[in-house]
């Protein structure tokens, strides 16, 4: 089965199961990104289980509007996320996202990586 973003679901990695949200490569097309975020949200809710998720953010412009939608997306999926990893954010955008997450009171286990292999390994680790 594939998710709305085209990821194989479930995706098995090093003995664990993860889900990839392909929010990268949307450049400045916010409407397309927001539509995909909503479709993925509906898909995840239908799975009705806690998932280990990595979010691909490569080359997507992280505007204030995108940050707000990401925060809304995380709040809506709070009960369905076991662990979360972001990949591909610039240093300043990682800082902005961390700040927004803290401000929103989101307390998920979250990590940030530049390499998707590191992100996936962290997701399936027992730490």
PDB file of N, CA and C in Angstrom:
ATOM      1  N   UNK A   1       0.850  -1.176   0.000  1.00  0.00           N
ATOM      2  CA  UNK A   1       0.000   0.000   0.000  1.00  0.00           C
ATOM      3  C   UNK A   1       0.894   1.237   0.000  1.00  0.00           C
ATOM      4  N   UNK A   2       0.406   2.320  -0.608  1.00  0.00           N
ATOM      5  CA  UNK A   2       1.157   3.573  -0.608  1.00  0.00           C
ATOM      6  C   UNK A   2       0.338   4.671   0.069  1.00  0.00           C
ATOM      7  N   UNK A   3       1.059   5.570   0.736  1.00  0.00           N
ATOM      8  CA  UNK A   3       0.407   6.714   1.366  1.00  0.00           C
ATOM      9  C   UNK A   3       0.166   7.787   0.303  1.00  0.00           C
ATOM     10  N   UNK A   4      -0.586   8.840   0.623  1.00  0.00           N
ATOM     11  CA  UNK A   4      -0.856   9.889  -0.362  1.00  0.00           C
ATOM     12  C   UNK A   4       0.407  10.535  -0.949  1.00  0.00           C
ATOM     13  N   UNK A   5       1.486  10.584  -0.156  1.00  0.00           N
ATOM     14  CA  UNK A   5       2.733  11.175  -0.636  1.00  0.00           C
ATOM     15  C   UNK A   5       3.570  10.221  -1.473  1.00  0.00           C
ATOM     16  N   UNK A   6       3.117   8.982  -1.615  1.00  0.00           N
ATOM     17  CA  UNK A   6       3.810   8.012  -2.442  1.00  0.00           C
ATOM     18  C   UNK A   6       4.730   7.073  -1.684  1.00  0.00           C
ATOM     19  N   UNK A   7       4.751   7.161  -0.355  1.00  0.00           N
ATOM     20  CA  UNK A   7       5.595   6.287   0.450  1.00  0.00           C
ATOM     21  C   UNK A   7       4.966   4.915   0.603  1.00  0.00           C
ATOM     22  N   UNK A   8       5.809   3.884   0.577  1.00  0.00           N
ATOM     23  CA  UNK A   8       5.343   2.527   0.845  1.00  0.00           C
ATOM     24  C   UNK A   8       4.913   2.466   2.309  1.00  0.00           C
ATOM     25  N   UNK A   9       3.754   1.884   2.564  1.00  0.00           N
ATOM     26  CA  UNK A   9       3.268   1.783   3.940  1.00  0.00           C
ATOM     27  C   UNK A   9       2.771   0.378   4.191  1.00  0.00           C
ATOM     28  N   UNK A  10       3.231  -0.285   5.230  1.00  0.00           N
ATOM     29  CA  UNK A  10       4.289   0.160   6.125  1.00  0.00           C
ATOM     30  C   UNK A  10       5.668  -0.043   5.484  1.00  0.00           C
ATOM     31  N   UNK A  11       6.636   0.759   5.887  1.00  0.00           N
ATOM     32  CA  UNK A  11       8.004   0.689   5.398  1.00  0.00           C
ATOM     33  C   UNK A  11       8.848   0.061   6.494  1.00  0.00           C
ATOM     34  N   UNK A  12       9.445  -1.081   6.185  1.00  0.00           N
ATOM     35  CA  UNK A  12      10.244  -1.793   7.178  1.00  0.00           C
ATOM     36  C   UNK A  12      11.702  -1.389   7.041  1.00  0.00           C
ATOM     37  N   UNK A  13      12.324  -1.112   8.200  1.00  0.00           N
ATOM     38  CA  UNK A  13      13.709  -0.639   8.210  1.00  0.00           C
ATOM     39  C   UNK A  13      14.410  -1.161   9.455  1.00  0.00           C
ATOM     40  N   UNK A  14      15.480  -1.901   9.257  1.00  0.00           N
ATOM     41  CA  UNK A  14      16.293  -2.432  10.351  1.00  0.00           C
ATOM     42  C   UNK A  14      15.450  -3.072  11.460  1.00  0.00           C
ATOM     43  N   UNK A  15      14.485  -3.854  11.064  1.00  0.00           N
ATOM     44  CA  UNK A  15      13.654  -4.565  12.030  1.00  0.00           C
ATOM     45  C   UNK A  15      12.519  -3.755  12.619  1.00  0.00           C
ATOM     46  N   UNK A  16      12.364  -2.523  12.181  1.00  0.00           N
ATOM     47  CA  UNK A  16      11.274  -1.674  12.679  1.00  0.00           C
ATOM     48  C   UNK A  16      10.370  -1.223  11.540  1.00  0.00           C
ATOM     49  N   UNK A  17       9.317  -0.529  11.910  1.00  0.00           N
ATOM     50  CA  UNK A  17       8.344  -0.043  10.937  1.00  0.00           C
ATOM     51  C   UNK A  17       8.271   1.471  11.055  1.00  0.00           C
ATOM     52  N   UNK A  18       8.433   2.167   9.925  1.00  0.00           N
ATOM     53  CA  UNK A  18       8.373   3.635   9.938  1.00  0.00           C
ATOM     54  C   UNK A  18       7.470   4.120   8.802  1.00  0.00           C
ATOM     55  N   UNK A  19       7.118   5.366   8.889  1.00  0.00           N
ATOM     56  CA  UNK A  19       6.310   5.995   7.848  1.00  0.00           C
ATOM     57  C   UNK A  19       6.985   7.299   7.444  1.00  0.00           C
ATOM     58  N   UNK A  20       7.098   7.527   6.144  1.00  0.00           N
ATOM     59  CA  UNK A  20       7.731   8.745   5.638  1.00  0.00           C
ATOM     60  C   UNK A  20       6.665   9.709   5.124  1.00  0.00           C
ATOM     61  N   UNK A  21       6.768  10.946   5.587  1.00  0.00           N
ATOM     62  CA  UNK A  21       5.931  12.019   5.052  1.00  0.00           C
ATOM     63  C   UNK A  21       6.799  12.822   4.100  1.00  0.00           C
ATOM     64  N   UNK A  22       6.515  12.731   2.822  1.00  0.00           N
ATOM     65  CA  UNK A  22       7.330  13.397   1.805  1.00  0.00           C
ATOM     66  C   UNK A  22       6.830  14.821   1.573  1.00  0.00           C
ATOM     67  N   UNK A  23       7.228  15.709   2.489  1.00  0.00           N
ATOM     68  CA  UNK A  23       6.853  17.112   2.370  1.00  0.00           C
ATOM     69  C   UNK A  23       7.945  17.919   1.688  1.00  0.00           C
ATOM     70  N   UNK A  24       9.027  17.253   1.306  1.00  0.00           N
ATOM     71  CA  UNK A  24      10.132  17.923   0.627  1.00  0.00           C
ATOM     72  C   UNK A  24       9.816  18.150  -0.843  1.00  0.00           C
ATOM     73  N   UNK A  25      10.655  18.946  -1.461  1.00  0.00           N
ATOM     74  CA  UNK A  25      10.567  19.264  -2.887  1.00  0.00           C
ATOM     75  C   UNK A  25       9.264  19.952  -3.295  1.00  0.00           C
ATOM     76  N   UNK A  26       8.636  20.638  -2.361  1.00  0.00           N
ATOM     77  CA  UNK A  26       7.437  21.405  -2.696  1.00  0.00           C
ATOM     78  C   UNK A  26       7.814  22.870  -2.963  1.00  0.00           C
ATOM     79  N   UNK A  27       9.090  23.194  -2.774  1.00  0.00           N
ATOM     80  CA  UNK A  27       9.625  24.522  -3.013  1.00  0.00           C
ATOM     81  C   UNK A  27       8.735  25.579  -2.375  1.00  0.00           C
ATOM     82  N   UNK A  28       8.012  26.340  -3.203  1.00  0.00           N
ATOM     83  CA  UNK A  28       7.161  27.402  -2.649  1.00  0.00           C
ATOM     84  C   UNK A  28       5.683  27.140  -2.913  1.00  0.00           C
ATOM     85  N   UNK A  29       5.336  25.924  -3.292  1.00  0.00           N
ATOM     86  CA  UNK A  29       3.942  25.589  -3.592  1.00  0.00           C
ATOM     87  C   UNK A  29       3.229  25.189  -2.298  1.00  0.00           C
ATOM     88  N   UNK A  30       2.871  26.196  -1.511  1.00  0.00           N
ATOM     89  CA  UNK A  30       2.265  25.947  -0.198  1.00  0.00           C
ATOM     90  C   UNK A  30       0.941  25.216  -0.299  1.00  0.00           C
ATOM     91  N   UNK A  31       0.121  25.567  -1.258  1.00  0.00           N
ATOM     92  CA  UNK A  31      -1.200  24.933  -1.367  1.00  0.00           C
ATOM     93  C   UNK A  31      -1.069  23.437  -1.629  1.00  0.00           C
ATOM     94  N   UNK A  32      -0.132  23.060  -2.493  1.00  0.00           N
ATOM     95  CA  UNK A  32       0.101  21.639  -2.779  1.00  0.00           C
ATOM     96  C   UNK A  32       0.611  20.938  -1.522  1.00  0.00           C
ATOM     97  N   UNK A  33       1.511  21.589  -0.795  1.00  0.00           N
ATOM     98  CA  UNK A  33       2.033  21.029   0.455  1.00  0.00           C
ATOM     99  C   UNK A  33       0.920  20.855   1.477  1.00  0.00           C
ATOM    100  N   UNK A  34       0.084  21.870   1.666  1.00  0.00           N
ATOM    101  CA  UNK A  34      -0.984  21.800   2.664  1.00  0.00           C
ATOM    102  C   UNK A  34      -2.014  20.731   2.309  1.00  0.00           C
ATOM    103  N   UNK A  35      -2.292  20.584   1.017  1.00  0.00           N
ATOM    104  CA  UNK A  35      -3.225  19.543   0.560  1.00  0.00           C
ATOM    105  C   UNK A  35      -2.645  18.162   0.889  1.00  0.00           C
ATOM    106  N   UNK A  36      -1.355  17.965   0.625  1.00  0.00           N
ATOM    107  CA  UNK A  36      -0.702  16.697   0.928  1.00  0.00           C
ATOM    108  C   UNK A  36      -0.685  16.438   2.436  1.00  0.00           C
ATOM    109  N   UNK A  37      -0.428  17.474   3.221  1.00  0.00           N
ATOM    110  CA  UNK A  37      -0.411  17.324   4.679  1.00  0.00           C
ATOM    111  C   UNK A  37      -1.768  16.840   5.178  1.00  0.00           C
ATOM    112  N   UNK A  38      -2.840  17.384   4.650  1.00  0.00           N
ATOM    113  CA  UNK A  38      -4.188  16.993   5.049  1.00  0.00           C
ATOM    114  C   UNK A  38      -4.472  15.540   4.640  1.00  0.00           C
ATOM    115  N   UNK A  39      -4.063  15.165   3.433  1.00  0.00           N
ATOM    116  CA  UNK A  39      -4.272  13.793   2.963  1.00  0.00           C
ATOM    117  C   UNK A  39      -3.498  12.797   3.830  1.00  0.00           C
ATOM    118  N   UNK A  40      -2.247  13.145   4.166  1.00  0.00           N
ATOM    119  CA  UNK A  40      -1.434  12.272   5.021  1.00  0.00           C
ATOM    120  C   UNK A  40      -2.046  12.179   6.425  1.00  0.00           C
ATOM    121  N   UNK A  41      -2.538  13.287   6.914  1.00  0.00           N
ATOM    122  CA  UNK A  41      -3.183  13.308   8.231  1.00  0.00           C
ATOM    123  C   UNK A  41      -4.360  12.324   8.258  1.00  0.00           C
ATOM    124  N   UNK A  42      -5.215  12.397   7.252  1.00  0.00           N
ATOM    125  CA  UNK A  42      -6.365  11.489   7.155  1.00  0.00           C
ATOM    126  C   UNK A  42      -5.903  10.036   7.059  1.00  0.00           C
ATOM    127  N   UNK A  43      -4.861   9.797   6.257  1.00  0.00           N
ATOM    128  CA  UNK A  43      -4.309   8.455   6.084  1.00  0.00           C
ATOM    129  C   UNK A  43      -3.799   7.903   7.411  1.00  0.00           C
ATOM    130  N   UNK A  44      -3.033   8.700   8.147  1.00  0.00           N
ATOM    131  CA  UNK A  44      -2.459   8.262   9.425  1.00  0.00           C
ATOM    132  C   UNK A  44      -3.563   7.988  10.445  1.00  0.00           C
ATOM    133  N   UNK A  45      -4.555   8.853  10.510  1.00  0.00           N
ATOM    134  CA  UNK A  45      -5.659   8.658  11.458  1.00  0.00           C
ATOM    135  C   UNK A  45      -6.386   7.343  11.154  1.00  0.00           C
ATOM    136  N   UNK A  46      -6.544   7.016   9.874  1.00  0.00           N
ATOM    137  CA  UNK A  46      -7.207   5.759   9.492  1.00  0.00           C
ATOM    138  C   UNK A  46      -6.407   4.525   9.901  1.00  0.00           C
ATOM    139  N   UNK A  47      -5.075   4.653  10.029  1.00  0.00           N
ATOM    140  CA  UNK A  47      -4.268   3.500  10.461  1.00  0.00           C
ATOM    141  C   UNK A  47      -4.582   3.156  11.906  1.00  0.00           C
ATOM    142  N   UNK A  48      -4.991   4.154  12.669  1.00  0.00           N
ATOM    143  CA  UNK A  48      -5.402   4.004  14.067  1.00  0.00           C
ATOM    144  C   UNK A  48      -4.337   3.317  14.931  1.00  0.00           C
ATOM    145  N   UNK A  49      -3.076   3.714  14.728  1.00  0.00           N
ATOM    146  CA  UNK A  49      -2.010   3.215  15.591  1.00  0.00           C
ATOM    147  C   UNK A  49      -0.898   4.252  15.668  1.00  0.00           C
ATOM    148  N   UNK A  50      -0.061   4.129  16.690  1.00  0.00           N
ATOM    149  CA  UNK A  50       1.061   5.047  16.854  1.00  0.00           C
ATOM    150  C   UNK A  50       2.163   4.666  15.878  1.00  0.00           C
ATOM    151  N   UNK A  51       2.680   5.671  15.177  1.00  0.00           N
ATOM    152  CA  UNK A  51       3.692   5.450  14.153  1.00  0.00           C
ATOM    153  C   UNK A  51       4.988   6.174  14.470  1.00  0.00           C
ATOM    154  N   UNK A  52       6.065   5.628  13.946  1.00  0.00           N
ATOM    155  CA  UNK A  52       7.368   6.290  13.955  1.00  0.00           C
ATOM    156  C   UNK A  52       7.470   6.955  12.590  1.00  0.00           C
ATOM    157  N   UNK A  53       7.580   8.271  12.580  1.00  0.00           N
ATOM    158  CA  UNK A  53       7.453   9.031  11.339  1.00  0.00           C
ATOM    159  C   UNK A  53       8.685   9.883  11.090  1.00  0.00           C
ATOM    160  N   UNK A  54       9.177   9.865   9.849  1.00  0.00           N
ATOM    161  CA  UNK A  54      10.197  10.832   9.471  1.00  0.00           C
ATOM    162  C   UNK A  54       9.621  11.732   8.398  1.00  0.00           C
ATOM    163  N   UNK A  55       9.912  13.007   8.532  1.00  0.00           N
ATOM    164  CA  UNK A  55       9.353  14.028   7.653  1.00  0.00           C
ATOM    165  C   UNK A  55      10.460  14.594   6.775  1.00  0.00           C
ATOM    166  N   UNK A  56      10.343  14.387   5.480  1.00  0.00           N
ATOM    167  CA  UNK A  56      11.293  14.900   4.494  1.00  0.00           C
ATOM    168  C   UNK A  56      10.921  16.360   4.202  1.00  0.00           C
ATOM    169  N   UNK A  57      11.848  17.273   4.514  1.00  0.00           N
ATOM    170  CA  UNK A  57      11.596  18.702   4.284  1.00  0.00           C
ATOM    171  C   UNK A  57      12.570  19.317   3.272  1.00  0.00           C
ATOM    172  N   UNK A  58      13.351  18.484   2.583  1.00  0.00           N
ATOM    173  CA  UNK A  58      14.341  18.998   1.636  1.00  0.00           C
ATOM    174  C   UNK A  58      13.726  19.943   0.619  1.00  0.00           C
ATOM    175  N   UNK A  59      14.345  21.077   0.445  1.00  0.00           N
ATOM    176  CA  UNK A  59      14.028  22.124  -0.554  1.00  0.00           C
ATOM    177  C   UNK A  59      12.620  22.713  -0.470  1.00  0.00           C
ATOM    178  N   UNK A  60      11.926  22.504   0.606  1.00  0.00           N
ATOM    179  CA  UNK A  60      10.625  23.157   0.791  1.00  0.00           C
ATOM    180  C   UNK A  60      10.850  24.452   1.567  1.00  0.00           C
ATOM    181  N   UNK A  61      10.290  25.539   1.082  1.00  0.00           N
ATOM    182  CA  UNK A  61      10.404  26.822   1.784  1.00  0.00           C
ATOM    183  C   UNK A  61       9.605  26.760   3.076  1.00  0.00           C
ATOM    184  N   UNK A  62      10.256  27.061   4.179  1.00  0.00           N
ATOM    185  CA  UNK A  62       9.593  27.012   5.484  1.00  0.00           C
ATOM    186  C   UNK A  62       9.228  28.441   5.884  1.00  0.00           C
ATOM    187  N   UNK A  63       8.079  28.867   5.388  1.00  0.00           N
ATOM    188  CA  UNK A  63       7.563  30.191   5.706  1.00  0.00           C
ATOM    189  C   UNK A  63       6.820  30.135   7.049  1.00  0.00           C
ATOM    190  N   UNK A  64       6.408  31.266   7.539  1.00  0.00           N
ATOM    191  CA  UNK A  64       5.615  31.298   8.777  1.00  0.00           C
ATOM    192  C   UNK A  64       4.330  30.506   8.608  1.00  0.00           C
ATOM    193  N   UNK A  65       3.734  30.597   7.433  1.00  0.00           N
ATOM    194  CA  UNK A  65       2.491  29.862   7.152  1.00  0.00           C
ATOM    195  C   UNK A  65       2.746  28.348   7.154  1.00  0.00           C
ATOM    196  N   UNK A  66       3.861  27.915   6.569  1.00  0.00           N
ATOM    197  CA  UNK A  66       4.220  26.496   6.549  1.00  0.00           C
ATOM    198  C   UNK A  66       4.470  26.012   7.979  1.00  0.00           C
ATOM    199  N   UNK A  67       5.183  26.817   8.774  1.00  0.00           N
ATOM    200  CA  UNK A  67       5.423  26.462  10.179  1.00  0.00           C
ATOM    201  C   UNK A  67       4.110  26.262  10.919  1.00  0.00           C
ATOM    202  N   UNK A  68       3.173  27.172  10.732  1.00  0.00           N
ATOM    203  CA  UNK A  68       1.890  27.081  11.424  1.00  0.00           C
ATOM    204  C   UNK A  68       1.121  25.831  11.009  1.00  0.00           C
ATOM    205  N   UNK A  69       1.152  25.512   9.721  1.00  0.00           N
ATOM    206  CA  UNK A  69       0.465  24.308   9.245  1.00  0.00           C
ATOM    207  C   UNK A  69       1.129  23.046   9.796  1.00  0.00           C
ATOM    208  N   UNK A  70       2.464  23.042   9.876  1.00  0.00           N
ATOM    209  CA  UNK A  70       3.166  21.898  10.467  1.00  0.00           C
ATOM    210  C   UNK A  70       2.752  21.704  11.922  1.00  0.00           C
ATOM    211  N   UNK A  71       2.667  22.800  12.666  1.00  0.00           N
ATOM    212  CA  UNK A  71       2.257  22.737  14.075  1.00  0.00           C
ATOM    213  C   UNK A  71       0.837  22.197  14.173  1.00  0.00           C
ATOM    214  N   UNK A  72      -0.069  22.699  13.345  1.00  0.00           N
ATOM    215  CA  UNK A  72      -1.460  22.202  13.337  1.00  0.00           C
ATOM    216  C   UNK A  72      -1.488  20.712  13.002  1.00  0.00           C
ATOM    217  N   UNK A  73      -0.690  20.297  12.021  1.00  0.00           N
ATOM    218  CA  UNK A  73      -0.597  18.903  11.606  1.00  0.00           C
ATOM    219  C   UNK A  73      -0.118  18.037  12.771  1.00  0.00           C
ATOM    220  N   UNK A  74       0.914  18.486  13.484  1.00  0.00           N
ATOM    221  CA  UNK A  74       1.444  17.726  14.621  1.00  0.00           C
ATOM    222  C   UNK A  74       0.419  17.631  15.755  1.00  0.00           C
ATOM    223  N   UNK A  75      -0.297  18.704  16.011  1.00  0.00           N
ATOM    224  CA  UNK A  75      -1.335  18.674  17.053  1.00  0.00           C
ATOM    225  C   UNK A  75      -2.431  17.676  16.694  1.00  0.00           C
ATOM    226  N   UNK A  76      -2.850  17.677  15.421  1.00  0.00           N
ATOM    227  CA  UNK A  76      -3.909  16.768  14.977  1.00  0.00           C
ATOM    228  C   UNK A  76      -3.466  15.307  15.024  1.00  0.00           C
ATOM    229  N   UNK A  77      -2.166  15.066  14.862  1.00  0.00           N
ATOM    230  CA  UNK A  77      -1.645  13.699  14.827  1.00  0.00           C
ATOM    231  C   UNK A  77      -1.013  13.259  16.140  1.00  0.00           C
ATOM    232  N   UNK A  78      -1.089  14.077  17.154  1.00  0.00           N
ATOM    233  CA  UNK A  78      -0.427  13.820  18.435  1.00  0.00           C
ATOM    234  C   UNK A  78      -0.660  12.400  18.949  1.00  0.00           C
ATOM    235  N   UNK A  79      -1.874  11.903  18.876  1.00  0.00           N
ATOM    236  CA  UNK A  79      -2.204  10.569  19.391  1.00  0.00           C
ATOM    237  C   UNK A  79      -1.731   9.432  18.484  1.00  0.00           C
ATOM    238  N   UNK A  80      -1.199   9.769  17.316  1.00  0.00           N
ATOM    239  CA  UNK A  80      -0.790   8.759  16.343  1.00  0.00           C
ATOM    240  C   UNK A  80       0.721   8.733  16.104  1.00  0.00           C
ATOM    241  N   UNK A  81       1.460   9.551  16.849  1.00  0.00           N
ATOM    242  CA  UNK A  81       2.911   9.632  16.661  1.00  0.00           C
ATOM    243  C   UNK A  81       3.626   9.075  17.886  1.00  0.00           C
ATOM    244  N   UNK A  82       4.443   8.049  17.647  1.00  0.00           N
ATOM    245  CA  UNK A  82       5.283   7.513  18.715  1.00  0.00           C
ATOM    246  C   UNK A  82       6.597   8.290  18.785  1.00  0.00           C
ATOM    247  N   UNK A  83       7.207   8.486  17.630  1.00  0.00           N
ATOM    248  CA  UNK A  83       8.449   9.252  17.496  1.00  0.00           C
ATOM    249  C   UNK A  83       8.395   9.983  16.163  1.00  0.00           C
ATOM    250  N   UNK A  84       9.107  11.093  16.099  1.00  0.00           N
ATOM    251  CA  UNK A  84       9.071  11.925  14.908  1.00  0.00           C
ATOM    252  C   UNK A  84      10.467  12.448  14.609  1.00  0.00           C
ATOM    253  N   UNK A  85      10.839  12.413  13.345  1.00  0.00           N
ATOM    254  CA  UNK A  85      12.142  12.916  12.946  1.00  0.00           C
ATOM    255  C   UNK A  85      11.991  13.794  11.708  1.00  0.00           C
ATOM    256  N   UNK A  86      12.602  14.961  11.746  1.00  0.00           N
ATOM    257  CA  UNK A  86      12.616  15.864  10.596  1.00  0.00           C
ATOM    258  C   UNK A  86      13.959  15.762   9.909  1.00  0.00           C
ATOM    259  N   UNK A  87      13.937  15.737   8.578  1.00  0.00           N
ATOM    260  CA  UNK A  87      15.157  15.639   7.790  1.00  0.00           C
ATOM    261  C   UNK A  87      15.169  16.750   6.747  1.00  0.00           C
ATOM    262  N   UNK A  88      16.331  17.406   6.614  1.00  0.00           N
ATOM    263  CA  UNK A  88      16.504  18.358   5.523  1.00  0.00           C
ATOM    264  C   UNK A  88      16.208  19.809   5.835  1.00  0.00           C
ATOM    265  N   UNK A  89      16.039  20.148   7.106  1.00  0.00           N
ATOM    266  CA  UNK A  89      15.813  21.550   7.464  1.00  0.00           C
ATOM    267  C   UNK A  89      17.156  22.279   7.584  1.00  0.00           C
ATOM    268  N   UNK A  90      17.181  23.524   7.192  1.00  0.00           N
ATOM    269  CA  UNK A  90      18.380  24.336   7.422  1.00  0.00           C
ATOM    270  C   UNK A  90      18.476  24.615   8.916  1.00  0.00           C
ATOM    271  N   UNK A  91      19.626  25.055   9.366  1.00  0.00           N
ATOM    272  CA  UNK A  91      19.820  25.353  10.781  1.00  0.00           C
ATOM    273  C   UNK A  91      18.810  26.355  11.323  1.00  0.00           C
ATOM    274  N   UNK A  92      18.556  27.411  10.573  1.00  0.00           N
ATOM    275  CA  UNK A  92      17.616  28.446  11.036  1.00  0.00           C
ATOM    276  C   UNK A  92      16.190  27.904  11.044  1.00  0.00           C
ATOM    277  N   UNK A  93      15.832  27.099  10.058  1.00  0.00           N
ATOM    278  CA  UNK A  93      14.470  26.548  10.028  1.00  0.00           C
ATOM    279  C   UNK A  93      14.270  25.492  11.103  1.00  0.00           C
ATOM    280  N   UNK A  94      15.313  24.743  11.417  1.00  0.00           N
ATOM    281  CA  UNK A  94      15.227  23.800  12.531  1.00  0.00           C
ATOM    282  C   UNK A  94      14.977  24.568  13.829  1.00  0.00           C
ATOM    283  N   UNK A  95      15.712  25.644  14.031  1.00  0.00           N
ATOM    284  CA  UNK A  95      15.547  26.481  15.227  1.00  0.00           C
ATOM    285  C   UNK A  95      14.133  27.051  15.290  1.00  0.00           C
ATOM    286  N   UNK A  96      13.631  27.564  14.150  1.00  0.00           N
ATOM    287  CA  UNK A  96      12.284  28.143  14.106  1.00  0.00           C
ATOM    288  C   UNK A  96      11.227  27.086  14.425  1.00  0.00           C
ATOM    289  N   UNK A  97      11.396  25.876  13.879  1.00  0.00           N
ATOM    290  CA  UNK A  97      10.432  24.806  14.126  1.00  0.00           C
ATOM    291  C   UNK A  97      10.469  24.374  15.589  1.00  0.00           C
ATOM    292  N   UNK A  98      11.667  24.207  16.142  1.00  0.00           N
ATOM    293  CA  UNK A  98      11.783  23.840  17.562  1.00  0.00           C
ATOM    294  C   UNK A  98      11.091  24.868  18.444  1.00  0.00           C
ATOM    295  N   UNK A  99      11.304  26.126  18.143  1.00  0.00           N
ATOM    296  CA  UNK A  99      10.681  27.214  18.905  1.00  0.00           C
ATOM    297  C   UNK A  99       9.154  27.157  18.798  1.00  0.00           C
ATOM    298  N   UNK A 100       8.653  26.926  17.597  1.00  0.00           N
ATOM    299  CA  UNK A 100       7.203  26.851  17.373  1.00  0.00           C
ATOM    300  C   UNK A 100       6.598  25.643  18.087  1.00  0.00           C
ATOM    301  N   UNK A 101       7.305  24.527  18.074  1.00  0.00           N
ATOM    302  CA  UNK A 101       6.832  23.315  18.742  1.00  0.00           C
ATOM    303  C   UNK A 101       6.758  23.548  20.247  1.00  0.00           C
ATOM    304  N   UNK A 102       7.786  24.159  20.792  1.00  0.00           N
ATOM    305  CA  UNK A 102       7.816  24.438  22.231  1.00  0.00           C
ATOM    306  C   UNK A 102       6.680  25.390  22.616  1.00  0.00           C
ATOM    307  N   UNK A 103       6.500  26.434  21.820  1.00  0.00           N
ATOM    308  CA  UNK A 103       5.445  27.427  22.061  1.00  0.00           C
ATOM    309  C   UNK A 103       4.056  26.786  22.038  1.00  0.00           C
ATOM    310  N   UNK A 104       3.890  25.793  21.149  1.00  0.00           N
ATOM    311  CA  UNK A 104       2.598  25.117  20.992  1.00  0.00           C
ATOM    312  C   UNK A 104       2.355  24.078  22.083  1.00  0.00           C
ATOM    313  N   UNK A 105       3.375  23.808  22.900  1.00  0.00           N
ATOM    314  CA  UNK A 105       3.217  22.838  23.980  1.00  0.00           C
ATOM    315  C   UNK A 105       3.247  21.389  23.511  1.00  0.00           C
ATOM    316  N   UNK A 106       3.813  21.142  22.351  1.00  0.00           N
ATOM    317  CA  UNK A 106       3.910  19.791  21.810  1.00  0.00           C
ATOM    318  C   UNK A 106       5.075  19.081  22.494  1.00  0.00           C
ATOM    319  N   UNK A 107       4.813  17.891  23.028  1.00  0.00           N
ATOM    320  CA  UNK A 107       5.833  17.181  23.811  1.00  0.00           C
ATOM    321  C   UNK A 107       6.217  15.835  23.212  1.00  0.00           C
ATOM    322  N   UNK A 108       6.144  15.706  21.922  1.00  0.00           N
ATOM    323  CA  UNK A 108       6.516  14.472  21.238  1.00  0.00           C
ATOM    324  C   UNK A 108       8.026  14.252  21.292  1.00  0.00           C
ATOM    325  N   UNK A 109       8.452  12.995  21.124  1.00  0.00           N
ATOM    326  CA  UNK A 109       9.879  12.689  20.976  1.00  0.00           C
ATOM    327  C   UNK A 109      10.247  13.059  19.547  1.00  0.00           C
ATOM    328  N   UNK A 110      11.073  14.110  19.395  1.00  0.00           N
ATOM    329  CA  UNK A 110      11.405  14.631  18.068  1.00  0.00           C
ATOM    330  C   UNK A 110      12.920  14.752  17.923  1.00  0.00           C
ATOM    331  N   UNK A 111      13.420  14.393  16.744  1.00  0.00           N
ATOM    332  CA  UNK A 111      14.823  14.583  16.427  1.00  0.00           C
ATOM    333  C   UNK A 111      14.940  15.283  15.065  1.00  0.00           C
ATOM    334  N   UNK A 112      16.147  15.791  14.799  1.00  0.00           N
ATOM    335  CA  UNK A 112      16.400  16.543  13.567  1.00  0.00           C
ATOM    336  C   UNK A 112      17.702  16.025  12.956  1.00  0.00           C
ATOM    337  N   UNK A 113      17.674  15.737  11.671  1.00  0.00           N
ATOM    338  CA  UNK A 113      18.831  15.175  10.991  1.00  0.00           C
ATOM    339  C   UNK A 113      18.981  15.780   9.600  1.00  0.00           C
ATOM    340  N   UNK A 114      20.203  15.681   9.069  1.00  0.00           N
ATOM    341  CA  UNK A 114      20.433  16.061   7.677  1.00  0.00           C
ATOM    342  C   UNK A 114      20.447  14.819   6.793  1.00  0.00           C
ATOM    343  N   UNK A 115      20.677  13.656   7.394  1.00  0.00           N
ATOM    344  CA  UNK A 115      20.752  12.394   6.660  1.00  0.00           C
ATOM    345  C   UNK A 115      19.551  11.512   7.002  1.00  0.00           C
ATOM    346  N   UNK A 116      18.768  11.103   5.988  1.00  0.00           N
ATOM    347  CA  UNK A 116      17.592  10.274   6.265  1.00  0.00           C
ATOM    348  C   UNK A 116      17.935   8.925   6.901  1.00  0.00           C
ATOM    349  N   UNK A 117      19.101   8.365   6.596  1.00  0.00           N
ATOM    350  CA  UNK A 117      19.483   7.083   7.204  1.00  0.00           C
ATOM    351  C   UNK A 117      19.633   7.229   8.714  1.00  0.00           C
ATOM    352  N   UNK A 118      20.240   8.336   9.157  1.00  0.00           N
ATOM    353  CA  UNK A 118      20.383   8.596  10.592  1.00  0.00           C
ATOM    354  C   UNK A 118      19.012   8.767  11.241  1.00  0.00           C
ATOM    355  N   UNK A 119      18.122   9.474  10.554  1.00  0.00           N
ATOM    356  CA  UNK A 119      16.770   9.707  11.083  1.00  0.00           C
ATOM    357  C   UNK A 119      16.010   8.391  11.238  1.00  0.00           C
ATOM    358  N   UNK A 120      16.078   7.554  10.226  1.00  0.00           N
ATOM    359  CA  UNK A 120      15.368   6.271  10.265  1.00  0.00           C
ATOM    360  C   UNK A 120      15.951   5.353  11.336  1.00  0.00           C
ATOM    361  N   UNK A 121      17.280   5.352  11.462  1.00  0.00           N
ATOM    362  CA  UNK A 121      17.927   4.530  12.491  1.00  0.00           C
ATOM    363  C   UNK A 121      17.485   4.970  13.871  1.00  0.00           C
ATOM    364  N   UNK A 122      17.437   6.273  14.125  1.00  0.00           N
ATOM    365  CA  UNK A 122      16.973   6.784  15.418  1.00  0.00           C
ATOM    366  C   UNK A 122      15.531   6.364  15.689  1.00  0.00           C
ATOM    367  N   UNK A 123      14.698   6.432  14.674  1.00  0.00           N
ATOM    368  CA  UNK A 123      13.288   6.080  14.849  1.00  0.00           C
ATOM    369  C   UNK A 123      13.100   4.640  15.305  1.00  0.00           C
ATOM    370  N   UNK A 124      13.892   3.725  14.769  1.00  0.00           N
ATOM    371  CA  UNK A 124      13.711   2.310  15.117  1.00  0.00           C
ATOM    372  C   UNK A 124      14.580   1.873  16.293  1.00  0.00           C
ATOM    373  N   UNK A 125      15.409   2.777  16.810  1.00  0.00           N
ATOM    374  CA  UNK A 125      16.239   2.432  17.976  1.00  0.00           C
ATOM    375  C   UNK A 125      15.370   2.370  19.225  1.00  0.00           C
ATOM    376  N   UNK A 126      15.876   1.741  20.263  1.00  0.00           N
ATOM    377  CA  UNK A 126      15.099   1.576  21.503  1.00  0.00           C
ATOM    378  C   UNK A 126      15.304   2.705  22.497  1.00  0.00           C
ATOM    379  N   UNK A 127      16.139   3.665  22.165  1.00  0.00           N
ATOM    380  CA  UNK A 127      16.455   4.761  23.116  1.00  0.00           C
ATOM    381  C   UNK A 127      15.246   5.622  23.391  1.00  0.00           C
TER     382      UNK A 127
END
